């Protein structure tokens, strides 16, 4: 999950009490036929509401980033390790207000500080974010951040939260040019927070955070967790020299082989958490952090350039199709009541063409033990 920088987190926290109930009870988003677009690339289905040129450009950016970062990561861990890839749908909301009802739910409330999120399942993955977060970004891309979660999910399902968020922030600043990519660009808000506060959260605490932890769910604590996770990954990849980079690669290799996070860490890193914490405390006081350039030659460079060529064509989506996408995403997030509202609306709007809505609503009816209705819906699909 990509979060806003601390200044925006404070504003989001102040709005939680007022907006949380509204977001939870919001009716299905209105979906005008001419407003929503569908763009199919080599690896993604991108559904967006915004200027056509902008939606197509984001689809092309994602395809290029996929080509580059998947190659960078495979090089780091010593080859392809990912299992079968589920299809991935990317939903680009026009602004934060449109995205708000679909943000992840923590403790019964929407994560209002979220700028985007990744949601995995065996059948389909979703990436969701607001185009406003991309237009308003400094050097960091929410789209790139969330794609990194998809990449990590395909390599290993049990990665600790610090690794997932730290790497996602690290890769979110990637700058692709020609046959290479520059990694480790600045995230000024995190750097300023760390220079001002130091390592306010001990690394042992950072390593223990999961998605249920206060440091992940609470806005005020989350900023420190994200900042330190990003800084640690930055140090291991760009600032700690070849030895620390090799240890990090070893750690990732052990995780990919099925080892648990704690034993992988002990086997990979000399000196343990205490040594890393001392080194990181010095690193975060630097006025700037070093960047690293990864280059690709021959066919690889050509492939990356090709991914940035003319964006793929787009097609308009009917309201029923958009509602079906929303409903399926909510269904796979376990938000059954909200999913049902979207799926029923999709079928009411166009029962003949919304085959995906029949499937999703059929799955929901199975979950509700309404077996006869489920069978009818799946037959219709």
Protein backbone atom coordinates (compact mmCIF):
# COMPACT_ATOMS: atom_id res chain seq x y z
CA UNK A 1 0.00 0.00 0.00
CA UNK A 2 1.31 3.41 -0.94
CA UNK A 3 0.79 6.12 1.68
CA UNK A 4 0.79 9.86 1.43
CA UNK A 5 3.66 11.86 2.83
CA UNK A 6 3.45 13.00 6.48
CA UNK A 7 1.86 16.40 5.81
CA UNK A 8 -1.04 14.74 3.98
CA UNK A 9 -1.22 11.96 6.57
CA UNK A 10 -1.96 14.54 9.24
CA UNK A 11 -4.80 15.97 7.18
CA UNK A 12 -6.18 12.50 6.50
CA UNK A 13 -6.10 11.67 10.22
CA UNK A 14 -8.12 14.80 11.00
CA UNK A 15 -10.77 13.75 8.48
CA UNK A 16 -11.14 10.12 9.58
CA UNK A 17 -13.92 10.65 12.12
CA UNK A 18 -15.99 12.68 9.65
CA UNK A 19 -15.47 10.66 6.48
CA UNK A 20 -15.05 7.04 7.55
CA UNK A 21 -18.77 6.29 7.86
CA UNK A 22 -19.46 8.08 4.58
CA UNK A 23 -16.87 6.00 2.73
CA UNK A 24 -18.18 2.75 4.17
CA UNK A 25 -21.79 3.51 3.31
CA UNK A 26 -21.18 5.17 -0.07
CA UNK A 27 -23.37 3.90 -2.93
CA UNK A 28 -21.72 2.32 -5.96
CA UNK A 29 -19.82 4.88 -8.01
CA UNK A 30 -21.64 6.35 -10.97
CA UNK A 31 -20.20 5.03 -14.18
CA UNK A 32 -21.02 6.95 -17.31
CA UNK A 33 -20.55 5.07 -20.55
CA UNK A 34 -18.20 7.65 -22.02
CA UNK A 35 -16.23 8.31 -18.83
CA UNK A 36 -14.45 5.01 -18.23
CA UNK A 37 -11.85 3.53 -20.57
CA UNK A 38 -10.30 0.10 -20.94
CA UNK A 39 -6.72 -0.37 -22.15
CA UNK A 40 -5.30 -3.85 -22.72
CA UNK A 41 -1.49 -4.11 -22.69
CA UNK A 42 0.71 -7.19 -22.92
CA UNK A 43 0.46 -7.88 -19.18
CA UNK A 44 -2.34 -5.75 -17.74
CA UNK A 45 -5.95 -4.70 -18.13
CA UNK A 46 -6.09 -1.01 -17.22
CA UNK A 47 -9.50 0.49 -16.43
CA UNK A 48 -9.43 4.24 -15.90
CA UNK A 49 -11.58 7.32 -15.72
CA UNK A 50 -9.83 10.45 -16.90
CA UNK A 51 -8.42 12.01 -20.02
CA UNK A 52 -7.95 9.27 -22.61
CA UNK A 53 -4.38 10.29 -23.30
CA UNK A 54 -3.56 10.15 -19.58
CA UNK A 55 -5.03 6.68 -19.06
CA UNK A 56 -3.23 5.33 -22.12
CA UNK A 57 0.04 6.93 -20.99
CA UNK A 58 -0.21 5.34 -17.53
CA UNK A 59 -0.84 1.94 -19.13
CA UNK A 60 2.28 2.33 -21.28
CA UNK A 61 4.35 3.52 -18.29
CA UNK A 62 3.31 0.47 -16.31
CA UNK A 63 4.20 -1.91 -19.14
CA UNK A 64 7.64 -0.34 -19.48
CA UNK A 65 8.21 -0.39 -15.72
CA UNK A 66 7.22 -4.05 -15.63
CA UNK A 67 9.80 -4.88 -18.30
CA UNK A 68 12.58 -3.03 -16.50
CA UNK A 69 11.96 -3.81 -12.84
CA UNK A 70 11.16 -7.49 -13.34
CA UNK A 71 14.56 -7.79 -15.07
CA UNK A 72 16.31 -5.79 -12.32
CA UNK A 73 14.78 -7.94 -9.60
CA UNK A 74 15.53 -11.21 -11.39
CA UNK A 75 19.15 -10.08 -11.66
CA UNK A 76 19.26 -9.27 -7.94
CA UNK A 77 17.97 -12.67 -6.80
CA UNK A 78 19.77 -14.66 -9.49
CA UNK A 79 17.02 -15.57 -11.93
CA UNK A 80 13.29 -16.03 -12.34
CA UNK A 81 11.60 -17.45 -9.24
CA UNK A 82 7.99 -16.36 -9.59
CA UNK A 83 5.14 -18.83 -9.82
CA UNK A 84 2.15 -18.59 -12.17
CA UNK A 85 0.92 -15.05 -12.65
CA UNK A 86 -2.78 -14.38 -12.14
CA UNK A 87 -4.28 -11.79 -14.50
CA UNK A 88 -3.90 -8.24 -13.17
CA UNK A 89 -6.48 -5.48 -13.47
CA UNK A 90 -5.42 -1.90 -12.72
CA UNK A 91 -8.17 0.56 -11.75
CA UNK A 92 -7.28 4.24 -12.10
CA UNK A 93 -9.76 6.44 -10.25
CA UNK A 94 -9.88 10.10 -11.33
CA UNK A 95 -9.19 11.52 -7.85
CA UNK A 96 -8.95 10.65 -4.18
CA UNK A 97 -12.65 11.25 -3.61
CA UNK A 98 -13.62 8.64 -6.20
CA UNK A 99 -11.06 6.19 -4.81
CA UNK A 100 -12.02 6.69 -1.12
CA UNK A 101 -14.88 4.11 -0.93
CA UNK A 102 -12.56 1.41 -2.30
CA UNK A 103 -9.53 2.00 -0.08
CA UNK A 104 -8.40 -0.84 2.21
CA UNK A 105 -10.25 -1.20 5.51
CA UNK A 106 -8.20 -1.19 8.73
CA UNK A 107 -9.97 -1.68 12.03
CA UNK A 108 -13.34 -1.09 10.39
CA UNK A 109 -12.29 2.22 8.85
CA UNK A 110 -10.98 3.15 5.40
CA UNK A 111 -7.24 3.81 5.24
CA UNK A 112 -7.74 7.43 4.25
CA UNK A 113 -3.99 8.03 4.08
CA UNK A 114 -3.64 5.44 1.29
CA UNK A 115 -2.79 6.70 -2.19
CA UNK A 116 -3.12 3.23 -3.71
CA UNK A 117 -3.17 -0.45 -2.88
CA UNK A 118 -2.40 -3.89 -4.27
CA UNK A 119 -4.80 -6.78 -3.70
CA UNK A 120 -3.89 -10.36 -4.57
CA UNK A 121 -5.98 -13.47 -5.14
CA UNK A 122 -5.55 -16.78 -6.90
CA UNK A 123 -7.84 -15.75 -9.78
CA UNK A 124 -7.09 -12.06 -10.35
CA UNK A 125 -4.89 -9.36 -8.85
CA UNK A 126 -5.95 -5.74 -8.52
CA UNK A 127 -3.97 -2.52 -8.35
CA UNK A 128 -6.08 0.54 -7.49
CA UNK A 129 -5.08 4.19 -7.11
CA UNK A 130 -6.14 7.70 -7.99
CA UNK A 131 -4.71 9.48 -11.01
CA UNK A 132 -4.57 12.54 -8.78
CA UNK A 133 -1.84 10.83 -6.72
CA UNK A 134 0.23 10.33 -9.87
CA UNK A 135 -0.21 13.90 -11.05
CA UNK A 136 0.66 15.23 -7.59
CA UNK A 137 3.68 13.02 -6.99
CA UNK A 138 7.13 14.46 -6.33
CA UNK A 139 9.63 11.88 -7.53
CA UNK A 140 7.65 8.84 -6.43
CA UNK A 141 5.04 6.91 -8.42
CA UNK A 142 2.12 5.24 -6.66
CA UNK A 143 1.65 3.03 -9.73
CA UNK A 144 5.26 1.82 -9.54
CA UNK A 145 4.95 1.25 -5.79
CA UNK A 146 1.89 -0.96 -6.17
CA UNK A 147 3.35 -2.89 -9.10
CA UNK A 148 6.32 -3.77 -6.88
CA UNK A 149 3.92 -5.45 -4.46
CA UNK A 150 2.69 -7.58 -7.37
CA UNK A 151 6.28 -8.47 -8.29
CA UNK A 152 7.10 -9.49 -4.71
CA UNK A 153 3.89 -11.52 -4.42
CA UNK A 154 4.89 -13.53 -7.48
CA UNK A 155 8.32 -14.27 -5.99
CA UNK A 156 7.42 -15.08 -2.40
CA UNK A 157 4.13 -14.95 -0.55
CA UNK A 158 5.58 -14.66 2.98
CA UNK A 159 7.74 -11.55 2.64
CA UNK A 160 7.74 -9.37 5.78
CA UNK A 161 5.99 -6.01 5.64
CA UNK A 162 9.20 -3.97 5.95
CA UNK A 163 10.62 -5.67 2.86
CA UNK A 164 7.46 -5.22 0.81
CA UNK A 165 6.98 -1.56 1.67
CA UNK A 166 10.69 -0.72 1.66
CA UNK A 167 11.28 -2.18 -1.79
CA UNK A 168 8.05 -0.70 -3.12
CA UNK A 169 9.14 2.77 -1.99
CA UNK A 170 12.66 2.20 -3.35
CA UNK A 171 11.43 1.17 -6.80
CA UNK A 172 8.72 3.86 -6.85
CA UNK A 173 11.35 6.48 -7.74
CA UNK A 174 12.76 4.55 -10.72
CA UNK A 175 13.66 6.64 -13.77
CA UNK A 176 13.84 4.69 -17.03
CA UNK A 177 15.91 6.03 -19.92
CA UNK A 178 17.25 4.27 -22.97
CA UNK A 179 18.62 0.88 -22.00
CA UNK A 180 18.85 1.50 -18.28
CA UNK A 181 17.14 2.59 -15.09
CA UNK A 182 18.21 4.84 -12.22
CA UNK A 183 17.25 3.47 -8.80
CA UNK A 184 17.25 5.04 -5.36
CA UNK A 185 16.04 8.54 -6.16
CA UNK A 186 15.22 10.80 -3.22
CA UNK A 187 12.06 10.66 -1.15
CA UNK A 188 12.54 13.99 0.55
CA UNK A 189 9.75 13.68 3.10
CA UNK A 190 11.17 10.42 4.46
CA UNK A 191 14.72 11.81 4.46
CA UNK A 192 13.65 14.91 6.37
CA UNK A 193 11.72 12.83 8.89
CA UNK A 194 14.70 10.55 9.50
CA UNK A 195 17.22 13.39 9.79
CA UNK A 196 14.94 15.13 12.27
CA UNK A 197 13.88 12.12 14.37
CA UNK A 198 16.58 9.51 13.67
CA UNK A 199 15.55 5.87 13.97
CA UNK A 200 12.57 6.49 16.24
CA UNK A 201 11.44 2.86 15.86
CA UNK A 202 14.02 0.13 16.67
CA UNK A 203 14.72 -2.21 13.76
CA UNK A 204 13.55 -5.20 15.79
CA UNK A 205 10.14 -3.49 15.97
CA UNK A 206 10.21 -2.66 12.25
CA UNK A 207 10.96 -6.30 11.41
CA UNK A 208 8.02 -7.50 13.52
CA UNK A 209 5.41 -5.24 11.85
CA UNK A 210 2.68 -6.91 9.84
CA UNK A 211 -0.54 -5.58 8.30
CA UNK A 212 -2.34 -5.88 11.64
CA UNK A 213 0.26 -3.85 13.56
CA UNK A 214 -0.31 -0.29 14.82
CA UNK A 215 2.78 0.79 12.88
CA UNK A 216 1.02 -0.32 9.70
CA UNK A 217 -2.54 0.75 10.45
CA UNK A 218 -2.16 4.02 12.38
CA UNK A 219 -1.24 7.09 10.34
CA UNK A 220 1.07 8.70 12.90
CA UNK A 221 3.13 5.53 13.38
CA UNK A 222 2.99 4.38 9.76
CA UNK A 223 5.16 7.25 8.53
CA UNK A 224 8.10 6.10 10.66
CA UNK A 225 7.66 2.50 9.55
CA UNK A 226 7.64 3.42 5.87
CA UNK A 227 10.56 5.83 6.21
CA UNK A 228 12.79 3.35 8.01
CA UNK A 229 11.84 0.44 5.77
CA UNK A 230 12.68 2.52 2.69
CA UNK A 231 15.96 3.76 4.18
CA UNK A 232 17.05 0.23 5.11
CA UNK A 233 16.40 -1.12 1.61
CA UNK A 234 18.16 1.93 0.16
CA UNK A 235 21.18 1.30 2.36
CA UNK A 236 21.34 -2.41 1.56
CA UNK A 237 21.08 -1.87 -2.20
CA UNK A 238 22.88 1.44 -2.74
CA UNK A 239 24.77 2.56 0.36
CA UNK A 240 26.23 -0.44 2.14
CA UNK A 241 28.68 -1.58 -0.51
CA UNK A 242 28.97 -4.90 -2.28
CA UNK A 243 29.00 -6.92 0.95
CA UNK A 244 25.64 -5.67 2.22
CA UNK A 245 24.12 -5.88 -1.26
CA UNK A 246 25.23 -9.51 -1.52
CA UNK A 247 23.75 -10.23 1.91
CA UNK A 248 20.46 -8.69 0.83
CA UNK A 249 20.43 -10.85 -2.30
CA UNK A 250 21.11 -13.89 -0.12
CA UNK A 251 18.22 -12.91 2.16
CA UNK A 252 15.84 -12.64 -0.82
CA UNK A 253 17.07 -15.97 -2.17
CA UNK A 254 16.35 -17.69 1.14
CA UNK A 255 12.87 -16.17 1.29
CA UNK A 256 12.16 -17.27 -2.28
CA UNK A 257 13.22 -20.83 -1.39
CA UNK A 258 10.59 -20.95 1.36
CA UNK A 259 12.62 -20.10 4.46
CA UNK A 260 10.85 -17.96 7.06
CA UNK A 261 11.84 -14.31 7.42
CA UNK A 262 13.57 -14.61 10.82
CA UNK A 263 15.85 -17.53 9.91
CA UNK A 264 16.57 -16.01 6.49
CA UNK A 265 17.68 -12.79 8.19
CA UNK A 266 19.95 -14.60 10.67
CA UNK A 267 21.56 -16.65 7.89
CA UNK A 268 22.10 -13.69 5.54
CA UNK A 269 23.20 -10.66 7.57
CA UNK A 270 26.50 -10.55 9.42
CA UNK A 271 26.20 -8.85 12.81
CA UNK A 272 22.42 -9.18 12.93
CA UNK A 273 19.95 -6.39 13.53
CA UNK A 274 22.16 -4.51 16.00
CA UNK A 275 24.96 -3.97 13.47
CA UNK A 276 22.51 -2.95 10.76
CA UNK A 277 20.82 -0.48 13.09
CA UNK A 278 24.12 1.24 13.89
CA UNK A 279 25.00 1.51 10.21
CA UNK A 280 21.54 2.73 9.26
CA UNK A 281 21.54 5.36 12.01
CA UNK A 282 24.64 6.89 10.42
CA UNK A 283 23.26 6.53 6.91
CA UNK A 284 20.03 8.44 7.55
CA UNK A 285 22.00 11.47 8.75
CA UNK A 286 23.56 11.91 5.30
CA UNK A 287 22.37 14.98 3.35
CA UNK A 288 21.59 12.73 0.36
CA UNK A 289 21.61 9.04 -0.50
CA UNK A 290 23.46 7.59 -3.51
CA UNK A 291 21.61 6.50 -6.64
CA UNK A 292 22.44 3.42 -8.68
CA UNK A 293 22.17 2.87 -12.43
CA UNK A 294 21.32 -0.54 -13.85
CA UNK A 295 22.02 -0.93 -17.56
CA UNK A 296 20.80 -3.44 -20.13
CA UNK A 297 22.30 -4.10 -23.51
CA UNK A 298 21.14 -5.67 -26.74
CA UNK A 299 17.66 -7.18 -26.85
CA UNK A 300 16.88 -6.14 -23.29
CA UNK A 301 17.44 -2.46 -23.99
CA UNK A 302 15.36 -2.72 -27.16
CA UNK A 303 12.48 -4.34 -25.28
CA UNK A 304 12.43 -1.58 -22.66
CA UNK A 305 12.41 1.11 -25.34
CA UNK A 306 9.62 -0.66 -27.23
CA UNK A 307 7.47 -0.72 -24.10
CA UNK A 308 7.54 3.09 -24.06
CA UNK A 309 6.41 3.51 -27.67
CA UNK A 310 2.93 4.55 -28.77
CA UNK A 311 0.50 3.79 -25.93
CA UNK A 312 -2.01 1.02 -26.69
CA UNK A 313 -5.46 1.84 -27.97
CA UNK A 314 -8.33 2.37 -25.55
CA UNK A 315 -12.01 1.47 -25.64
CA UNK A 316 -14.93 2.94 -23.75
CA UNK A 317 -16.58 0.83 -21.06
CA UNK A 318 -20.29 0.54 -20.34
CA UNK A 319 -21.39 1.32 -16.81
CA UNK A 320 -22.27 -2.34 -16.20
CA UNK A 321 -18.71 -3.39 -17.03
CA UNK A 322 -17.19 -0.84 -14.66
CA UNK A 323 -19.56 -1.83 -11.86
CA UNK A 324 -18.58 -5.47 -12.45
CA UNK A 325 -14.89 -4.61 -12.00
CA UNK A 326 -15.60 -2.70 -8.79
CA UNK A 327 -17.79 -5.48 -7.46
CA UNK A 328 -15.23 -8.18 -8.17
CA UNK A 329 -12.45 -6.19 -6.50
CA UNK A 330 -14.57 -5.69 -3.38
CA UNK A 331 -15.63 -9.34 -3.40
CA UNK A 332 -12.03 -10.52 -3.35
CA UNK A 333 -11.32 -8.11 -0.51
CA UNK A 334 -14.03 -9.83 1.56
CA UNK A 335 -16.37 -6.82 1.44
CA UNK A 336 -19.40 -8.85 0.42
CA UNK A 337 -22.20 -6.36 1.06
CA UNK A 338 -20.54 -3.61 -0.98
CA UNK A 339 -19.59 -6.09 -3.70
CA UNK A 340 -23.18 -7.29 -3.97
CA UNK A 341 -24.47 -3.75 -4.51
CA UNK A 342 -22.11 -3.26 -7.46
CA UNK A 343 -22.71 -6.68 -9.00
CA UNK A 344 -26.50 -6.48 -8.78
CA UNK A 345 -26.31 -3.01 -10.30
CA UNK A 346 -24.19 -4.35 -13.15
CA UNK A 347 -26.68 -7.08 -13.94
CA UNK A 348 -29.65 -4.72 -13.65
CA UNK A 349 -27.96 -2.40 -16.14
CA UNK A 350 -27.08 -5.06 -18.70
CA UNK A 351 -27.78 -8.69 -17.85
CA UNK A 352 -26.81 -9.88 -21.34
CA UNK A 353 -23.24 -8.60 -21.58
CA UNK A 354 -21.98 -8.54 -17.98
CA UNK A 355 -20.70 -12.13 -17.94
CA UNK A 356 -17.99 -11.23 -15.41
CA UNK A 357 -20.66 -9.94 -13.03
CA UNK A 358 -22.52 -13.26 -13.30
CA UNK A 359 -19.35 -15.11 -12.30
CA UNK A 360 -18.55 -12.81 -9.38
CA UNK A 361 -22.11 -12.76 -8.07
CA UNK A 362 -22.23 -16.54 -8.45
CA UNK A 363 -19.13 -16.85 -6.29
CA UNK A 364 -20.71 -14.54 -3.73
CA UNK A 365 -23.91 -16.63 -3.68
CA UNK A 366 -21.79 -19.75 -3.10
CA UNK A 367 -20.15 -17.97 -0.19
CA UNK A 368 -23.63 -17.18 1.15
CA UNK A 369 -24.73 -20.84 0.70
CA UNK A 370 -27.40 -19.76 -1.81
CA UNK A 371 -26.53 -22.71 -4.00
CA UNK A 372 -29.43 -22.79 -6.43
CA UNK A 373 -29.01 -19.12 -7.32
CA UNK A 374 -25.24 -19.56 -7.57
CA UNK A 375 -25.66 -22.42 -10.03
CA UNK A 376 -28.06 -20.37 -12.16
CA UNK A 377 -25.69 -17.39 -12.30
CA UNK A 378 -22.68 -19.54 -13.22
CA UNK A 379 -24.67 -21.32 -15.94
CA UNK A 380 -25.65 -17.92 -17.37
CA UNK A 381 -22.03 -16.80 -17.32
